C-alpha atoms as a PDB file:
ATOM      1  CA  GLN A   1      90.769  92.686  96.901  1.00  0.00           C
ATOM      2  CA  VAL A   2      92.859  92.502 100.046  1.00  0.00           C
ATOM      3  CA  GLN A   3      90.992  92.075 103.305  1.00  0.00           C
ATOM      4  CA  LEU A   4      92.358  92.139 106.835  1.00  0.00           C
ATOM      5  CA  VAL A   5      90.716  90.363 109.738  1.00  0.00           C
ATOM      6  CA  GLU A   6      91.795  91.230 113.262  1.00  0.00           C
ATOM      7  CA  SER A   7      91.317  89.286 116.456  1.00  0.00           C
ATOM      8  CA  GLY A   8      92.518  89.214 120.032  1.00  0.00           C
ATOM      9  CA  GLY A   9      91.278  92.376 121.695  1.00  0.00           C
ATOM     10  CA  GLY A  10      89.523  92.464 125.033  1.00  0.00           C
ATOM     11  CA  LEU A  11      89.594  93.616 128.630  1.00  0.00           C
ATOM     12  CA  VAL A  12      92.732  93.140 130.715  1.00  0.00           C
ATOM     13  CA  GLN A  13      93.985  94.422 134.048  1.00  0.00           C
ATOM     14  CA  PRO A  14      96.965  96.779 134.251  1.00  0.00           C
ATOM     15  CA  GLY A  15     100.170  94.814 133.957  1.00  0.00           C
ATOM     16  CA  GLY A  16      98.496  92.097 131.931  1.00  0.00           C
ATOM     17  CA  SER A  17      99.084  90.906 128.379  1.00  0.00           C
ATOM     18  CA  LEU A  18      97.138  90.569 125.153  1.00  0.00           C
ATOM     19  CA  ARG A  19      98.010  89.302 121.694  1.00  0.00           C
ATOM     20  CA  LEU A  20      96.457  90.829 118.602  1.00  0.00           C
ATOM     21  CA  SER A  21      96.444  89.024 115.275  1.00  0.00           C
ATOM     22  CA  CYS A  22      95.829  90.234 111.749  1.00  0.00           C
ATOM     23  CA  ALA A  23      95.180  87.842 108.882  1.00  0.00           C
ATOM     24  CA  VAL A  24      95.583  89.014 105.284  1.00  0.00           C
ATOM     25  CA  SER A  25      93.271  87.345 102.785  1.00  0.00           C
ATOM     26  CA  GLY A  26      94.748  85.926  99.626  1.00  0.00           C
ATOM     27  CA  SER A  27      98.278  85.119  98.551  1.00  0.00           C
ATOM     28  CA  VAL A  28      99.456  88.666  97.998  1.00  0.00           C
ATOM     29  CA  PHE A  29     102.810  90.178  98.748  1.00  0.00           C
ATOM     30  CA  ILE A  30     102.589  92.598 101.644  1.00  0.00           C
ATOM     31  CA  TYR A  31     105.548  94.957 101.953  1.00  0.00           C
ATOM     32  CA  ALA A  32     104.821  96.120 105.481  1.00  0.00           C
ATOM     33  CA  MET A  33     102.349  95.512 108.241  1.00  0.00           C
ATOM     34  CA  GLY A  34     101.623  97.772 111.132  1.00  0.00           C
ATOM     35  CA  TRP A  35      99.423  98.446 114.095  1.00  0.00           C
ATOM     36  CA  TYR A  36      97.851 101.783 114.872  1.00  0.00           C
ATOM     37  CA  ARG A  37      95.529 102.779 117.688  1.00  0.00           C
ATOM     38  CA  GLN A  38      92.947 105.429 118.347  1.00  0.00           C
ATOM     39  CA  ALA A  39      91.752 106.397 121.790  1.00  0.00           C
ATOM     40  CA  PRO A  40      88.505 108.338 122.310  1.00  0.00           C
ATOM     41  CA  GLY A  41      88.945 111.973 121.388  1.00  0.00           C
ATOM     42  CA  LYS A  42      92.442 111.426 120.020  1.00  0.00           C
ATOM     43  CA  GLN A  43      93.988 110.988 116.608  1.00  0.00           C
ATOM     44  CA  ARG A  44      95.023 107.600 115.283  1.00  0.00           C
ATOM     45  CA  GLU A  45      98.663 106.978 116.148  1.00  0.00           C
ATOM     46  CA  LEU A  46     101.358 104.573 115.115  1.00  0.00           C
ATOM     47  CA  VAL A  47     102.078 101.708 117.490  1.00  0.00           C
ATOM     48  CA  ALA A  48     104.483  99.499 115.555  1.00  0.00           C
ATOM     49  CA  THR A  49     105.444  98.469 112.023  1.00  0.00           C
ATOM     50  CA  ILE A  50     107.378  95.626 110.426  1.00  0.00           C
ATOM     51  CA  THR A  51     108.621  95.448 106.851  1.00  0.00           C
ATOM     52  CA  SER A  52     109.170  92.488 104.560  1.00  0.00           C
ATOM     53  CA  ASP A  53     112.817  92.204 105.642  1.00  0.00           C
ATOM     54  CA  GLY A  54     111.847  92.143 109.316  1.00  0.00           C
ATOM     55  CA  THR A  55     112.776  95.710 110.170  1.00  0.00           C
ATOM     56  CA  THR A  56     110.644  96.922 113.062  1.00  0.00           C
ATOM     57  CA  ASN A  57     109.702 100.336 114.360  1.00  0.00           C
ATOM     58  CA  TYR A  58     107.910 101.185 117.610  1.00  0.00           C
ATOM     59  CA  ALA A  59     106.331 104.208 119.185  1.00  0.00           C
ATOM     60  CA  ASP A  60     108.365 105.322 122.188  1.00  0.00           C
ATOM     61  CA  SER A  61     105.370 104.718 124.444  1.00  0.00           C
ATOM     62  CA  VAL A  62     105.336 100.975 123.708  1.00  0.00           C
ATOM     63  CA  LYS A  63     109.031 100.158 123.285  1.00  0.00           C
ATOM     64  CA  ASP A  64     110.169  97.262 125.465  1.00  0.00           C
ATOM     65  CA  ARG A  65     106.530  96.309 126.150  1.00  0.00           C
ATOM     66  CA  PHE A  66     105.084  95.468 122.728  1.00  0.00           C
ATOM     67  CA  THR A  67     106.499  93.163 120.065  1.00  0.00           C
ATOM     68  CA  ILE A  68     105.394  93.066 116.447  1.00  0.00           C
ATOM     69  CA  SER A  69     106.005  90.005 114.292  1.00  0.00           C
ATOM     70  CA  ARG A  70     104.927  88.424 111.030  1.00  0.00           C
ATOM     71  CA  ASP A  71     104.360  84.927 109.736  1.00  0.00           C
ATOM     72  CA  TYR A  72     105.265  85.372 106.074  1.00  0.00           C
ATOM     73  CA  ALA A  73     104.049  81.931 105.054  1.00  0.00           C
ATOM     74  CA  LYS A  74     100.608  82.466 106.573  1.00  0.00           C
ATOM     75  CA  ASN A  75     100.499  86.187 105.726  1.00  0.00           C
ATOM     76  CA  THR A  76      99.603  87.157 109.257  1.00  0.00           C
ATOM     77  CA  GLY A  77     100.838  89.765 111.674  1.00  0.00           C
ATOM     78  CA  THR A  78     100.867  89.727 115.454  1.00  0.00           C
ATOM     79  CA  LEU A  79     101.215  92.330 118.154  1.00  0.00           C
ATOM     80  CA  GLN A  80     102.209  90.944 121.546  1.00  0.00           C
ATOM     81  CA  MET A  81     101.383  93.478 124.230  1.00  0.00           C
ATOM     82  CA  ASN A  82     102.859  93.064 127.702  1.00  0.00           C
ATOM     83  CA  SER A  83     102.826  95.226 130.824  1.00  0.00           C
ATOM     84  CA  LEU A  84      99.691  96.936 129.605  1.00  0.00           C
ATOM     85  CA  LYS A  85      98.751 100.308 131.040  1.00  0.00           C
ATOM     86  CA  PRO A  86      95.397 102.104 131.185  1.00  0.00           C
ATOM     87  CA  GLU A  87      96.739 104.581 128.631  1.00  0.00           C
ATOM     88  CA  ASP A  88      97.038 101.715 126.130  1.00  0.00           C
ATOM     89  CA  THR A  89      93.243 101.588 125.997  1.00  0.00           C
ATOM     90  CA  ALA A  90      92.156 102.216 122.402  1.00  0.00           C
ATOM     91  CA  VAL A  91      90.805 100.639 119.256  1.00  0.00           C
ATOM     92  CA  TYR A  92      93.714  98.935 117.534  1.00  0.00           C
ATOM     93  CA  TYR A  93      93.847  98.776 113.737  1.00  0.00           C
ATOM     94  CA  CYS A  94      95.977  96.570 111.538  1.00  0.00           C
ATOM     95  CA  LEU A  95      97.496  98.083 108.397  1.00  0.00           C
ATOM     96  CA  ALA A  96      98.959  96.277 105.397  1.00  0.00           C
ATOM     97  CA  LYS A  97     100.918  98.010 102.637  1.00  0.00           C
ATOM     98  CA  ARG A  98     100.870  96.332  99.250  1.00  0.00           C
ATOM     99  CA  PRO A  99     103.047  97.461  96.346  1.00  0.00           C
ATOM    100  CA  THR A 100     101.063  98.526  93.296  1.00  0.00           C
ATOM    101  CA  SER A 101     103.317 100.039  90.620  1.00  0.00           C
ATOM    102  CA  GLY A 102     106.729 101.622  90.887  1.00  0.00           C
ATOM    103  CA  ALA A 103     107.177 102.910  94.390  1.00  0.00           C
ATOM    104  CA  ALA A 104     103.446 103.293  95.006  1.00  0.00           C
ATOM    105  CA  MET A 105     101.710 101.428  97.795  1.00  0.00           C
ATOM    106  CA  SER A 106      98.088 100.710  98.592  1.00  0.00           C
ATOM    107  CA  ASP A 107      97.011 100.758 102.220  1.00  0.00           C
ATOM    108  CA  TYR A 108      94.543  98.267 103.614  1.00  0.00           C
ATOM    109  CA  TRP A 109      93.019  98.537 107.084  1.00  0.00           C
ATOM    110  CA  GLY A 110      91.443  96.047 109.414  1.00  0.00           C
ATOM    111  CA  GLN A 111      88.117  96.649 111.093  1.00  0.00           C
ATOM    112  CA  GLY A 112      89.654  97.488 114.449  1.00  0.00           C
ATOM    113  CA  THR A 113      89.619  95.651 117.754  1.00  0.00           C
ATOM    114  CA  GLN A 114      88.992  97.172 121.173  1.00  0.00           C
ATOM    115  CA  VAL A 115      91.663  96.892 123.853  1.00  0.00           C
ATOM    116  CA  THR A 116      90.647  98.047 127.320  1.00  0.00           C
ATOM    117  CA  VAL A 117      93.102  98.115 130.206  1.00  0.00           C
ATOM    118  CA  SER A 118      91.297  98.613 133.485  1.00  0.00           C
ATOM    119  CA  SER A 119      91.094  97.207 136.979  1.00  0.00           C
END
């Protein structure tokens, strides 16, 4: 069973920075990792993803401010968030995609970590 443990959320002032981390339990191959967020009253949305070959993808709203990375040896993922804005306030969730059979993937989610940007 794959489990994801997130850390690093908190309260920060506008313009500040936070780093979120996601640790995958076990020595399993993870094809892609990603971060999603959900603000109150809104749907969960993609923030950033990174595949096993290092290809990254970002939501337009976070490009040039957020950076996603992976430590393949430790099976962890990180989201560095800079120049934070109040509209970045949300619960952030880590996602890991693990190949099962053929082209199928299983999705695993972290428990979520609160990020609040406020003065």
